[in-house]
Protein backbone atom coordinates (compact mmCIF):
# COMPACT_ATOMS: atom_id res chain seq x y z
CA MET A 1 -22.53 -10.35 53.83
CA ASN A 2 -20.25 -7.79 55.49
CA ARG A 3 -19.37 -4.49 53.88
CA LYS A 4 -15.88 -5.62 52.80
CA LEU A 5 -17.17 -8.71 50.99
CA PHE A 6 -19.90 -6.65 49.39
CA LEU A 7 -17.37 -4.16 47.98
CA ILE A 8 -15.18 -6.99 46.66
CA SER A 9 -18.21 -8.53 44.96
CA ILE A 10 -19.08 -5.21 43.31
CA ILE A 11 -15.51 -4.78 42.06
CA LEU A 12 -15.43 -8.32 40.64
CA LEU A 13 -18.82 -7.87 39.00
CA THR A 14 -17.69 -4.57 37.48
CA ALA A 15 -14.55 -6.24 36.10
CA VAL A 16 -16.60 -9.05 34.57
CA LEU A 17 -19.02 -6.61 32.96
CA PHE A 18 -16.11 -4.51 31.69
CA GLN A 19 -14.49 -7.52 30.05
CA ALA A 20 -17.81 -8.55 28.55
CA ASN A 21 -18.19 -5.13 26.95
CA ALA A 22 -14.59 -4.95 25.68
CA ILE A 23 -14.09 -5.20 21.92
CA THR A 24 -11.19 -7.07 20.33
CA PHE A 25 -10.69 -6.42 16.63
CA LYS A 26 -8.80 -8.89 14.44
CA LEU A 27 -6.31 -7.02 12.22
CA ALA A 28 -4.70 -8.77 9.24
CA SER A 29 -1.37 -7.60 7.88
CA LEU A 30 1.21 -8.77 5.35
CA LEU A 31 3.93 -6.98 7.35
CA PRO A 32 6.32 -9.55 8.84
CA GLU A 33 6.47 -9.98 12.59
CA GLY A 34 9.51 -8.31 14.16
CA THR A 35 9.82 -5.52 11.59
CA GLU A 36 9.64 -1.87 12.58
CA TRP A 37 6.40 -1.62 10.59
CA ASN A 38 4.76 -4.36 12.63
CA LYS A 39 6.03 -2.72 15.80
CA ALA A 40 4.29 0.48 14.68
CA LEU A 41 1.05 -1.51 14.37
CA GLN A 42 1.56 -2.93 17.84
CA GLN A 43 2.04 0.59 19.18
CA MET A 44 -1.20 1.66 17.52
CA GLY A 45 -2.92 -1.24 19.26
CA ALA A 46 -1.48 -0.13 22.59
CA ASP A 47 -2.62 3.44 21.90
CA TRP A 48 -6.15 2.28 21.11
CA GLN A 49 -6.29 0.31 24.33
CA GLN A 50 -5.07 3.30 26.33
CA ILE A 51 -7.41 5.77 24.64
CA THR A 52 -10.43 3.60 25.40
CA ASP A 53 -9.33 2.46 28.87
CA GLY A 54 -9.08 -1.07 27.56
CA ARG A 55 -12.51 -1.13 25.92
CA VAL A 56 -11.07 -1.49 22.38
CA ARG A 57 -8.19 -3.84 21.66
CA ILE A 58 -6.48 -5.11 18.55
CA LYS A 59 -5.19 -8.62 17.87
CA ILE A 60 -2.70 -8.55 15.00
CA TYR A 61 -2.31 -11.40 12.52
CA PRO A 62 1.03 -10.48 10.84
CA GLY A 63 3.02 -11.89 7.95
CA GLY A 64 0.05 -12.88 5.82
CA ILE A 65 -1.11 -15.65 8.16
CA ALA A 66 -4.69 -14.48 7.56
CA GLY A 67 -4.15 -14.89 3.81
CA GLY A 68 -3.42 -12.65 0.86
CA GLU A 69 -5.18 -9.33 0.46
CA SER A 70 -8.03 -10.70 -1.65
CA ASP A 71 -8.57 -13.40 0.99
CA VAL A 72 -8.49 -10.81 3.77
CA ILE A 73 -11.05 -8.57 2.03
CA ARG A 74 -13.33 -11.58 1.58
CA LYS A 75 -12.94 -12.46 5.26
CA MET A 76 -13.71 -8.88 6.25
CA ARG A 77 -16.92 -9.01 4.24
CA ILE A 78 -18.11 -12.11 6.10
CA GLY A 79 -16.95 -10.90 9.52
CA GLN A 80 -13.96 -13.21 10.11
CA ILE A 81 -11.50 -10.27 10.03
CA ASP A 82 -12.32 -6.76 11.26
CA MET A 83 -9.37 -4.66 10.11
CA ALA A 84 -6.51 -4.85 7.63
CA VAL A 85 -3.37 -3.10 6.47
CA LEU A 86 -3.81 -3.00 2.70
CA SER A 87 -1.47 -2.11 -0.14
CA THR A 88 -2.45 -0.59 -3.48
CA THR A 89 -3.69 -4.02 -4.51
CA GLY A 90 -6.00 -4.31 -1.52
CA MET A 91 -7.37 -0.79 -1.81
CA THR A 92 -8.13 -1.30 -5.51
CA GLY A 93 -9.72 -4.62 -4.58
CA ILE A 94 -12.31 -2.64 -2.64
CA LEU A 95 -12.53 0.36 -4.98
CA PRO A 96 -10.77 0.08 -8.37
CA ASP A 97 -10.88 3.85 -8.89
CA THR A 98 -8.21 4.30 -6.20
CA PHE A 99 -5.72 3.15 -8.86
CA ALA A 100 -6.15 6.61 -10.38
CA MET A 101 -3.43 7.66 -7.91
CA ASN A 102 -1.10 4.87 -9.10
CA ILE A 103 -1.24 5.19 -12.88
CA PRO A 104 2.37 4.82 -14.09
CA PHE A 105 4.31 8.05 -14.71
CA MET A 106 1.35 10.28 -13.92
CA LEU A 107 2.75 11.72 -10.71
CA LYS A 108 6.21 13.24 -10.96
CA THR A 109 7.17 14.34 -7.46
CA GLU A 110 6.57 13.70 -3.79
CA GLU A 111 4.83 17.09 -3.60
CA GLU A 112 2.35 16.05 -6.28
CA LEU A 113 1.71 12.79 -4.45
CA ASP A 114 1.06 14.61 -1.16
CA PHE A 115 -1.33 16.97 -2.91
CA ILE A 116 -3.29 14.19 -4.61
CA VAL A 117 -3.50 12.12 -1.43
CA GLN A 118 -4.81 15.14 0.47
CA GLU A 119 -7.35 16.17 -2.16
CA VAL A 120 -8.55 12.86 -3.61
CA THR A 121 -8.59 10.37 -0.74
CA PRO A 122 -11.57 12.02 1.04
CA ILE A 123 -13.59 11.42 -2.13
CA PHE A 124 -12.45 7.80 -2.29
CA ASN A 125 -13.12 7.35 1.43
CA ASP A 126 -16.79 8.17 0.86
CA ALA A 127 -17.00 5.68 -2.01
CA ILE A 128 -15.22 3.00 0.06
CA LEU A 129 -17.69 3.59 2.90
CA GLU A 130 -20.50 2.77 0.49
CA LYS A 131 -18.77 -0.61 0.02
CA GLY A 132 -18.97 -1.24 3.77
CA PHE A 133 -15.45 -0.22 4.81
CA VAL A 134 -14.01 2.74 6.74
CA VAL A 135 -10.55 4.05 5.84
CA LEU A 136 -8.84 5.05 9.07
CA THR A 137 -5.74 6.38 7.35
CA TRP A 138 -3.88 6.27 4.05
CA SER A 139 -0.16 5.58 4.01
CA LYS A 140 2.65 5.98 1.51
CA SER A 141 5.91 4.05 1.48
CA GLY A 142 8.03 5.10 -1.45
CA TRP A 143 7.98 4.59 -5.20
CA VAL A 144 8.48 1.80 -7.71
CA ASN A 145 11.56 1.84 -9.98
CA PHE A 146 12.79 -0.25 -12.91
CA PHE A 147 15.54 -2.79 -12.20
CA SER A 148 17.18 -4.67 -15.07
CA LYS A 149 20.16 -6.77 -16.15
CA ASP A 150 21.08 -4.27 -18.88
CA PRO A 151 20.63 -0.49 -18.58
CA ILE A 152 17.14 0.90 -19.18
CA VAL A 153 16.53 4.58 -19.89
CA GLU A 154 14.15 4.93 -22.83
CA PRO A 155 11.12 2.68 -23.45
CA GLU A 156 12.91 1.17 -26.46
CA ASP A 157 15.59 -0.16 -24.10
CA MET A 158 13.06 -2.34 -22.29
CA MET A 159 10.96 -3.43 -25.27
CA PRO A 160 13.16 -6.46 -26.14
CA MET A 161 13.44 -7.57 -22.51
CA LYS A 162 11.34 -10.14 -20.69
CA PHE A 163 9.69 -7.99 -18.06
CA SER A 164 8.29 -9.28 -14.75
CA GLY A 165 4.82 -8.06 -13.88
CA SER A 166 3.92 -8.97 -10.33
CA VAL A 167 0.69 -10.92 -9.93
CA THR A 168 0.03 -8.78 -6.85
CA GLN A 169 -0.25 -5.70 -9.08
CA PRO A 170 -2.18 -7.01 -12.11
CA GLU A 171 -3.35 -3.53 -13.12
CA LEU A 172 0.21 -2.26 -13.43
CA ALA A 173 1.31 -5.41 -15.24
CA GLU A 174 -1.59 -5.09 -17.69
CA ALA A 175 -0.71 -1.45 -18.34
CA PHE A 176 2.81 -2.42 -19.41
CA ARG A 177 1.53 -5.35 -21.44
CA ASN A 178 -0.78 -2.98 -23.30
CA MET A 179 2.14 -0.61 -23.88
CA GLY A 180 3.80 -3.36 -25.89
CA PHE A 181 6.20 -4.88 -23.37
CA ASN A 182 6.84 -8.60 -23.01
CA VAL A 183 5.27 -9.03 -19.58
CA ILE A 184 5.65 -12.30 -17.69
CA SER A 185 3.61 -12.43 -14.48
CA LEU A 186 5.51 -13.85 -11.53
CA ASP A 187 4.67 -13.94 -7.85
CA THR A 188 7.18 -12.30 -5.51
CA PRO A 189 8.89 -15.54 -4.33
CA ASP A 190 9.49 -16.59 -7.95
CA VAL A 191 11.22 -13.41 -9.18
CA LEU A 192 14.74 -14.42 -8.10
CA MET A 193 14.40 -17.80 -9.79
CA GLY A 194 13.10 -16.01 -12.90
CA LEU A 195 16.18 -13.78 -12.99
CA GLN A 196 18.51 -16.74 -12.41
CA SER A 197 16.94 -18.81 -15.18
CA GLY A 198 16.66 -15.98 -17.69
CA MET A 199 12.87 -16.20 -17.64
CA ILE A 200 12.88 -12.45 -16.91
CA GLU A 201 15.45 -9.71 -17.44
CA SER A 202 13.76 -6.66 -15.90
CA LEU A 203 11.17 -5.82 -13.26
CA TYR A 204 9.60 -3.02 -11.27
CA ALA A 205 10.02 -2.90 -7.51
CA SER A 206 10.72 -0.62 -4.61
CA PRO A 207 14.42 -0.38 -3.69
CA MET A 208 13.59 -2.01 -0.36
CA LEU A 209 12.18 -5.11 -2.06
CA ALA A 210 15.01 -5.24 -4.59
CA ALA A 211 17.51 -5.21 -1.73
CA SER A 212 15.57 -7.50 0.62
CA TYR A 213 15.06 -10.24 -1.97
CA GLN A 214 18.54 -9.76 -3.50
CA TRP A 215 17.04 -9.14 -6.95
CA PHE A 216 19.55 -6.35 -7.58
CA ALA A 217 22.40 -8.91 -7.59
CA LEU A 218 21.10 -10.13 -10.97
CA ALA A 219 19.24 -6.98 -12.07
CA ASP A 220 21.98 -4.53 -11.15
CA ASN A 221 20.73 -1.50 -13.09
CA MET A 222 18.12 0.91 -11.71
CA LEU A 223 16.51 3.74 -13.64
CA ASP A 224 16.41 6.86 -11.49
CA MET A 225 12.82 7.69 -12.37
CA LYS A 226 9.63 7.27 -10.36
CA ILE A 227 7.15 4.91 -11.99
CA SER A 228 4.32 4.76 -9.49
CA PRO A 229 3.86 5.55 -5.79
CA ILE A 230 3.34 2.82 -3.24
CA LEU A 231 0.12 3.63 -1.41
CA GLY A 232 -1.98 1.73 1.06
CA GLY A 233 -4.11 2.20 4.12
CA ILE A 234 -5.65 0.81 7.28
CA VAL A 235 -9.25 -0.22 6.75
CA ILE A 236 -11.91 -1.44 9.17
CA THR A 237 -15.33 -2.79 8.33
CA GLU A 238 -18.19 -0.37 8.87
CA LYS A 239 -19.90 -2.99 11.03
CA ALA A 240 -16.88 -3.23 13.34
CA TRP A 241 -16.38 0.55 13.45
CA ASN A 242 -19.99 1.03 14.52
CA LYS A 243 -19.23 -0.97 17.66
CA VAL A 244 -16.79 1.71 18.83
CA PRO A 245 -18.33 4.42 21.04
CA ASP A 246 -18.38 7.71 19.17
CA MET A 247 -16.48 9.53 21.91
CA TYR A 248 -13.33 7.51 21.08
CA LYS A 249 -13.39 7.57 17.28
CA LYS A 250 -11.58 10.86 16.68
CA ASP A 251 -8.67 9.88 18.93
CA LEU A 252 -8.49 6.37 17.45
CA ILE A 253 -8.21 7.82 13.94
CA ALA A 254 -5.49 10.19 15.18
CA ALA A 255 -3.56 7.21 16.56
CA ALA A 256 -3.89 5.42 13.20
CA MET A 257 -2.61 8.51 11.39
CA LYS A 258 0.31 8.73 13.81
CA MET A 259 1.12 5.10 13.00
CA SER A 260 0.98 5.91 9.28
CA GLU A 261 3.46 8.75 9.70
CA SER A 262 5.78 6.45 11.62
CA PHE A 263 5.40 3.85 8.87
CA TYR A 264 6.40 6.39 6.21
CA THR A 265 9.37 7.69 8.20
CA GLU A 266 10.65 4.16 8.64
CA SER A 267 10.11 3.42 4.94
CA VAL A 268 12.15 6.46 3.87
CA SER A 269 14.96 5.47 6.23
CA LEU A 270 14.96 1.85 5.06
CA GLU A 271 14.91 2.90 1.40
CA LYS A 272 18.02 5.05 1.88
CA LYS A 273 19.76 2.19 3.64
CA ALA A 274 18.70 -0.24 0.91
CA LEU A 275 20.07 2.02 -1.83
CA ASN A 276 23.37 2.44 -0.02
CA VAL A 277 23.71 -1.31 0.47
CA MET A 278 22.98 -1.96 -3.22
CA LEU A 279 25.38 0.77 -4.38
CA ASP A 280 28.11 -0.73 -2.21
CA ASN A 281 27.44 -4.08 -3.88
CA GLY A 282 27.49 -3.09 -7.53
CA LEU A 283 24.17 -1.40 -8.29
CA ARG A 284 24.35 1.09 -11.16
CA ILE A 285 21.86 3.97 -11.18
CA ASN A 286 21.03 5.17 -14.68
CA LYS A 287 19.97 8.79 -15.05
CA PRO A 288 17.09 9.62 -17.41
CA ASN A 289 17.46 12.07 -20.25
CA PRO A 290 15.54 15.38 -20.00
CA ASP A 291 12.71 14.00 -22.15
CA THR A 292 12.72 10.40 -20.89
CA ALA A 293 9.75 10.74 -18.55
CA ASP A 294 7.68 12.38 -21.29
CA HIS A 295 8.48 9.49 -23.64
CA TRP A 296 7.20 6.96 -21.10
CA ARG A 297 4.08 9.01 -20.38
CA ALA A 298 3.35 9.45 -24.07
CA LEU A 299 3.61 5.70 -24.61
CA LEU A 300 1.14 5.01 -21.82
CA GLY A 301 -1.11 7.82 -22.97
CA GLU A 302 -1.58 6.17 -26.33
CA ASN A 303 -2.87 3.03 -24.65
CA MET A 304 -4.73 4.44 -21.65
CA SER A 305 -7.90 2.53 -22.56
CA VAL A 306 -6.65 -0.53 -20.68
CA LEU A 307 -6.81 1.49 -17.47
CA VAL A 308 -9.46 4.13 -18.04
CA GLY A 309 -13.03 4.06 -19.30
CA ASP A 310 -15.81 1.54 -19.68
CA ASN A 311 -13.42 -1.29 -20.53
CA GLY A 312 -10.69 -0.14 -18.19
CA PHE A 313 -9.94 -0.29 -14.51
CA VAL A 314 -10.37 3.36 -13.48
CA SER A 315 -13.54 5.29 -14.30
CA THR A 316 -13.21 8.20 -16.68
CA GLU A 317 -14.73 10.44 -14.01
CA SER A 318 -12.05 9.63 -11.42
CA TYR A 319 -9.23 9.84 -13.95
CA ASN A 320 -10.41 13.24 -15.19
CA LYS A 321 -10.81 14.47 -11.62
CA VAL A 322 -7.26 13.50 -10.66
CA THR A 323 -5.66 14.85 -13.84
CA ALA A 324 -7.59 18.13 -13.53
CA MET A 325 -6.35 18.54 -9.96
CA LEU A 326 -2.80 17.86 -11.11
CA ARG A 327 -3.01 20.46 -13.87
CA ASP A 328 -4.28 22.99 -11.36
CA PHE A 329 -1.50 22.14 -8.90
CA ARG A 330 1.21 22.38 -11.55
CA SER A 331 -0.04 25.76 -12.75
CA ARG A 332 0.25 27.38 -9.34
């Protein structure tokens, strides 16, 4: 064999070995293909490939084609899926205590949310790792509001109404049911039909969802008060993460965090656009009274046992930890 053929053989052999050692992670996402959010995921995949010189790649399964979040978590546990973009529902499916950051009316401002995410998520990350998952980044994408056919301000306004509790957020629905509201659990595709038929008269949703699914056309009142933040994250199985060479991990996490920031920026922009579209098409925004938020919090506080404690969803330890941090933050 001459020298030229020998060099070509070495190059081809190196390429084959490189491909054999390359890792392709399967990432499941509910985010629809073609959206800016999914494009942000694709960019993260491109960044990972560049950071690792092609040694780590991501194959995205968008739009829920890998199943709902409970299905995805199950598939991650048995190795069929390596990574996932999870909402509050998915994160609580791994570690219920993460719902301590989503308890209705507990957080009042974006600043409080940022503080709690910064202080509490490292603790939850350690507990999630014990479950066999690594949180690459947490993400936030707005807040949930009340939408209704008739104006809602005080809790008494909503008590007589048939209230939709999404089956994708059973903890939140159960909290309102325990507060005394007439909760009817509907999956997202059935909410519009429920409003049209009179099966439901009010619901909680992000402005983006209310606009996207045209729910506001029938529930054209929105209470200008934050109920609960919308949190999620990108999670990878510990087994899959251990396949990544340590020298890349810091930069891969940084790329995931960059994606999360892009996700949030896009969410804020889309929410503003959604509100403007709804206002132009008849949405009425109802302002709370000075004591309205306290009335809602007091009502939930009387029935916190459905969410906190031995018979609840969130451990007393985690709840006390979050509320203590909030008191400290508010006293500064």
